Amino acid sequence: MSGELQIDGSYGEGGGQILRTSASLSFLKNVPIRINNIRAGRPKPGLRAQHATGLELVNQVSNGVLSHCEVGSTEVAFMARDMVGGDKRLIEKDCGTAGAITLILQTILPCLTLDMSSPPSTPPSSSSSTSSSRTTTTTSSYKRKEEE
């Protein structure tokens, strides 16, 4: 992807927070990103299931382009397009572990705040329980604000 912002995923504590924040901001600011050295300082470097799930959800709601998003990958590239619209859209993804739900929500929730034209008929919500690893979010009538 040309014009992408290069991000060093080993920066700071070298965990998943830079990945989660970068993906959300990439979508919100409409800036393509490439993150390398993902979790380089960790005993198991690269994407874990919750990181891949968060990226896949952001990609899904943005109708974007996401590459190299597999568990263990130390580099990903992401380019958002537009928020998926429609009367009502259910976004559902199973990450395999209930403990990661809040980390996934850190990635996706900022992207679901883009209602710039009218309030959704059903407010965004998330349902989860400690016995389930499924994250469900309902979105409705979200649109990306045009660049000024």
C-alpha atoms as a PDB file:
ATOM      1  CA  MET A   1       0.000   0.000   0.000  1.00  0.00           C
ATOM      2  CA  SER A   2       1.511   3.294  -0.993  1.00  0.00           C
ATOM      3  CA  GLY A   3       1.554   6.231   1.395  1.00  0.00           C
ATOM      4  CA  GLU A   4       1.216   3.992   4.418  1.00  0.00           C
ATOM      5  CA  LEU A   5       2.459   4.935   7.853  1.00  0.00           C
ATOM      6  CA  GLN A   6       5.210   2.593   9.113  1.00  0.00           C
ATOM      7  CA  ILE A   7       4.833   1.670  12.792  1.00  0.00           C
ATOM      8  CA  ASP A   8       7.343  -0.220  14.917  1.00  0.00           C
ATOM      9  CA  GLY A   9       5.326  -2.684  16.995  1.00  0.00           C
ATOM     10  CA  SER A  10       8.209  -3.176  19.422  1.00  0.00           C
ATOM     11  CA  TYR A  11       7.954   0.456  20.582  1.00  0.00           C
ATOM     12  CA  GLY A  12       7.281   1.096  24.287  1.00  0.00           C
ATOM     13  CA  GLU A  13       6.425  -2.043  26.194  1.00  0.00           C
ATOM     14  CA  GLY A  14       6.341  -3.971  22.917  1.00  0.00           C
ATOM     15  CA  GLY A  15       2.952  -5.560  23.521  1.00  0.00           C
ATOM     16  CA  GLY A  16      -0.377  -5.443  21.742  1.00  0.00           C
ATOM     17  CA  GLN A  17      -1.494  -1.938  22.791  1.00  0.00           C
ATOM     18  CA  ILE A  18       0.386  -0.202  19.986  1.00  0.00           C
ATOM     19  CA  LEU A  19      -1.309  -2.573  17.539  1.00  0.00           C
ATOM     20  CA  ARG A  20      -4.819  -1.963  18.944  1.00  0.00           C
ATOM     21  CA  THR A  21      -4.395   1.797  19.063  1.00  0.00           C
ATOM     22  CA  SER A  22      -2.784   1.995  15.616  1.00  0.00           C
ATOM     23  CA  ALA A  23      -5.580   0.000  13.974  1.00  0.00           C
ATOM     24  CA  SER A  24      -8.290   2.199  15.503  1.00  0.00           C
ATOM     25  CA  LEU A  25      -6.529   5.443  14.653  1.00  0.00           C
ATOM     26  CA  SER A  26      -5.772   4.217  11.141  1.00  0.00           C
ATOM     27  CA  PHE A  27      -9.475   3.737  10.592  1.00  0.00           C
ATOM     28  CA  LEU A  28     -10.550   6.972  12.296  1.00  0.00           C
ATOM     29  CA  LYS A  29      -7.968   9.107  10.462  1.00  0.00           C
ATOM     30  CA  ASN A  30      -8.167   7.159   7.182  1.00  0.00           C
ATOM     31  CA  VAL A  31      -4.393   6.543   7.087  1.00  0.00           C
ATOM     32  CA  PRO A  32      -3.059   3.195   5.797  1.00  0.00           C
ATOM     33  CA  ILE A  33      -0.598   1.525   8.171  1.00  0.00           C
ATOM     34  CA  ARG A  34       2.023  -1.196   8.213  1.00  0.00           C
ATOM     35  CA  ILE A  35       3.067  -2.457  11.636  1.00  0.00           C
ATOM     36  CA  ASN A  36       6.234  -4.543  11.909  1.00  0.00           C
ATOM     37  CA  ASN A  37       8.067  -6.101  14.863  1.00  0.00           C
ATOM     38  CA  ILE A  38       4.684  -6.911  16.431  1.00  0.00           C
ATOM     39  CA  ARG A  39       5.168  -7.926  20.072  1.00  0.00           C
ATOM     40  CA  ALA A  40       8.874  -8.376  19.399  1.00  0.00           C
ATOM     41  CA  GLY A  41       9.725  -8.130  23.089  1.00  0.00           C
ATOM     42  CA  ARG A  42       7.378 -10.926  24.138  1.00  0.00           C
ATOM     43  CA  PRO A  43       8.227 -14.595  24.753  1.00  0.00           C
ATOM     44  CA  LYS A  44       5.825 -15.463  21.890  1.00  0.00           C
ATOM     45  CA  PRO A  45       6.263 -12.613  19.373  1.00  0.00           C
ATOM     46  CA  GLY A  46       3.694 -11.820  16.721  1.00  0.00           C
ATOM     47  CA  LEU A  47      -0.071 -11.688  16.668  1.00  0.00           C
ATOM     48  CA  ARG A  48      -2.066 -13.697  19.165  1.00  0.00           C
ATOM     49  CA  ALA A  49      -5.689 -14.675  18.522  1.00  0.00           C
ATOM     50  CA  GLN A  50      -7.149 -11.574  20.185  1.00  0.00           C
ATOM     51  CA  HIS A  51      -4.948  -9.246  18.100  1.00  0.00           C
ATOM     52  CA  ALA A  52      -5.932 -10.930  14.842  1.00  0.00           C
ATOM     53  CA  THR A  53      -9.600 -10.861  15.866  1.00  0.00           C
ATOM     54  CA  GLY A  54      -9.501  -7.140  16.675  1.00  0.00           C
ATOM     55  CA  LEU A  55      -7.841  -6.368  13.347  1.00  0.00           C
ATOM     56  CA  GLU A  56     -10.314  -8.537  11.457  1.00  0.00           C
ATOM     57  CA  LEU A  57     -13.265  -6.736  13.092  1.00  0.00           C
ATOM     58  CA  VAL A  58     -11.878  -3.290  12.240  1.00  0.00           C
ATOM     59  CA  ASN A  59     -11.292  -4.537   8.712  1.00  0.00           C
ATOM     60  CA  GLN A  60     -14.847  -5.880   8.544  1.00  0.00           C
ATOM     61  CA  VAL A  61     -16.529  -2.642   9.670  1.00  0.00           C
ATOM     62  CA  SER A  62     -14.302  -0.569   7.384  1.00  0.00           C
ATOM     63  CA  ASN A  63     -14.613  -2.730   4.282  1.00  0.00           C
ATOM     64  CA  GLY A  64     -10.840  -2.465   4.305  1.00  0.00           C
ATOM     65  CA  VAL A  65      -7.777  -4.279   3.064  1.00  0.00           C
ATOM     66  CA  LEU A  66      -5.867  -6.324   5.650  1.00  0.00           C
ATOM     67  CA  SER A  67      -2.825  -8.444   4.924  1.00  0.00           C
ATOM     68  CA  HIS A  68      -0.654 -10.881   6.904  1.00  0.00           C
ATOM     69  CA  CYS A  69      -3.218 -11.141   9.706  1.00  0.00           C
ATOM     70  CA  GLU A  70      -2.448 -14.612  11.058  1.00  0.00           C
ATOM     71  CA  VAL A  71      -1.537 -15.768  14.544  1.00  0.00           C
ATOM     72  CA  GLY A  72       2.249 -15.516  14.826  1.00  0.00           C
ATOM     73  CA  SER A  73       2.654 -12.880  12.103  1.00  0.00           C
ATOM     74  CA  THR A  74       5.072 -10.104  13.094  1.00  0.00           C
ATOM     75  CA  GLU A  75       3.886  -7.708  10.388  1.00  0.00           C
ATOM     76  CA  VAL A  76       0.454  -6.561   9.207  1.00  0.00           C
ATOM     77  CA  ALA A  77      -0.785  -3.952   6.765  1.00  0.00           C
ATOM     78  CA  PHE A  78      -4.208  -2.311   6.987  1.00  0.00           C
ATOM     79  CA  MET A  79      -6.072   0.227   4.897  1.00  0.00           C
ATOM     80  CA  ALA A  80      -9.613   1.262   5.813  1.00  0.00           C
ATOM     81  CA  ARG A  81     -12.101   2.161   3.118  1.00  0.00           C
ATOM     82  CA  ASP A  82     -15.524   3.121   4.488  1.00  0.00           C
ATOM     83  CA  MET A  83     -17.683   2.166   7.426  1.00  0.00           C
ATOM     84  CA  VAL A  84     -20.044  -0.583   6.343  1.00  0.00           C
ATOM     85  CA  GLY A  85     -23.534   0.863   6.285  1.00  0.00           C
ATOM     86  CA  GLY A  86     -26.938  -0.638   6.078  1.00  0.00           C
ATOM     87  CA  ASP A  87     -30.046  -0.690   8.198  1.00  0.00           C
ATOM     88  CA  LYS A  88     -28.547  -3.012  10.749  1.00  0.00           C
ATOM     89  CA  ARG A  89     -25.365  -5.030  10.785  1.00  0.00           C
ATOM     90  CA  LEU A  90     -24.335  -7.701  13.233  1.00  0.00           C
ATOM     91  CA  ILE A  91     -20.608  -8.122  13.640  1.00  0.00           C
ATOM     92  CA  GLU A  92     -19.634 -11.363  15.278  1.00  0.00           C
ATOM     93  CA  LYS A  93     -16.269 -13.028  15.720  1.00  0.00           C
ATOM     94  CA  ASP A  94     -15.056 -15.833  17.962  1.00  0.00           C
ATOM     95  CA  CYS A  95     -11.507 -15.260  19.214  1.00  0.00           C
ATOM     96  CA  GLY A  96     -11.294 -18.477  21.195  1.00  0.00           C
ATOM     97  CA  THR A  97     -10.744 -16.958  24.644  1.00  0.00           C
ATOM     98  CA  ALA A  98     -13.105 -14.968  26.891  1.00  0.00           C
ATOM     99  CA  GLY A  99     -10.233 -13.169  28.618  1.00  0.00           C
ATOM    100  CA  ALA A 100      -9.415 -11.239  25.450  1.00  0.00           C
ATOM    101  CA  ILE A 101     -12.838  -9.652  24.895  1.00  0.00           C
ATOM    102  CA  THR A 102     -11.961  -6.315  26.518  1.00  0.00           C
ATOM    103  CA  LEU A 103      -8.756  -6.120  24.462  1.00  0.00           C
ATOM    104  CA  ILE A 104     -10.750  -6.719  21.280  1.00  0.00           C
ATOM    105  CA  LEU A 105     -13.230  -4.037  22.323  1.00  0.00           C
ATOM    106  CA  GLN A 106     -10.331  -1.590  22.795  1.00  0.00           C
ATOM    107  CA  THR A 107      -9.658  -2.035  19.090  1.00  0.00           C
ATOM    108  CA  ILE A 108     -13.178  -1.952  17.667  1.00  0.00           C
ATOM    109  CA  LEU A 109     -15.169   0.423  19.901  1.00  0.00           C
ATOM    110  CA  PRO A 110     -13.405   3.641  18.807  1.00  0.00           C
ATOM    111  CA  CYS A 111     -14.261   2.700  15.221  1.00  0.00           C
ATOM    112  CA  LEU A 112     -17.930   2.385  16.090  1.00  0.00           C
ATOM    113  CA  THR A 113     -18.183   5.980  17.319  1.00  0.00           C
ATOM    114  CA  LEU A 114     -18.301   7.433  13.804  1.00  0.00           C
ATOM    115  CA  ASP A 115     -22.000   8.207  13.583  1.00  0.00           C
ATOM    116  CA  MET A 116     -21.621  11.600  11.907  1.00  0.00           C
ATOM    117  CA  SER A 117     -24.993  11.906  10.182  1.00  0.00           C
ATOM    118  CA  SER A 118     -27.728  10.526  12.414  1.00  0.00           C
ATOM    119  CA  PRO A 119     -28.037   8.396  15.509  1.00  0.00           C
ATOM    120  CA  PRO A 120     -28.318   4.677  14.897  1.00  0.00           C
ATOM    121  CA  SER A 121     -31.749   3.135  15.380  1.00  0.00           C
ATOM    122  CA  THR A 122     -30.114   0.582  17.666  1.00  0.00           C
ATOM    123  CA  PRO A 123     -27.224   1.912  19.768  1.00  0.00           C
ATOM    124  CA  PRO A 124     -23.948   0.021  19.464  1.00  0.00           C
ATOM    125  CA  SER A 125     -23.796  -2.675  22.084  1.00  0.00           C
ATOM    126  CA  SER A 126     -21.573  -5.509  23.049  1.00  0.00           C
ATOM    127  CA  SER A 127     -22.573  -8.666  24.806  1.00  0.00           C
ATOM    128  CA  SER A 128     -20.180 -11.100  26.294  1.00  0.00           C
ATOM    129  CA  SER A 129     -19.877 -13.409  29.243  1.00  0.00           C
ATOM    130  CA  THR A 130     -16.976 -15.095  30.920  1.00  0.00           C
ATOM    131  CA  SER A 131     -18.245 -18.443  29.686  1.00  0.00           C
ATOM    132  CA  SER A 132     -18.086 -17.347  26.070  1.00  0.00           C
ATOM    133  CA  SER A 133     -15.365 -16.002  23.833  1.00  0.00           C
ATOM    134  CA  ARG A 134     -17.778 -14.572  21.269  1.00  0.00           C
ATOM    135  CA  THR A 135     -17.900 -10.796  20.829  1.00  0.00           C
ATOM    136  CA  THR A 136     -21.102  -9.461  19.310  1.00  0.00           C
ATOM    137  CA  THR A 137     -21.552  -5.856  18.309  1.00  0.00           C
ATOM    138  CA  THR A 138     -24.564  -4.355  16.597  1.00  0.00           C
ATOM    139  CA  THR A 139     -24.069  -1.326  14.387  1.00  0.00           C
ATOM    140  CA  SER A 140     -26.527   0.705  12.416  1.00  0.00           C
ATOM    141  CA  SER A 141     -26.263   3.635   9.998  1.00  0.00           C
ATOM    142  CA  TYR A 142     -22.627   4.519  10.567  1.00  0.00           C
ATOM    143  CA  LYS A 143     -20.878   6.674   7.989  1.00  0.00           C
ATOM    144  CA  ARG A 144     -17.349   7.992   7.703  1.00  0.00           C
ATOM    145  CA  LYS A 145     -17.143  11.786   7.920  1.00  0.00           C
ATOM    146  CA  GLU A 146     -15.695  13.166   4.704  1.00  0.00           C
ATOM    147  CA  GLU A 147     -12.278  14.764   4.940  1.00  0.00           C
ATOM    148  CA  GLU A 148     -12.550  18.548   5.173  1.00  0.00           C
END
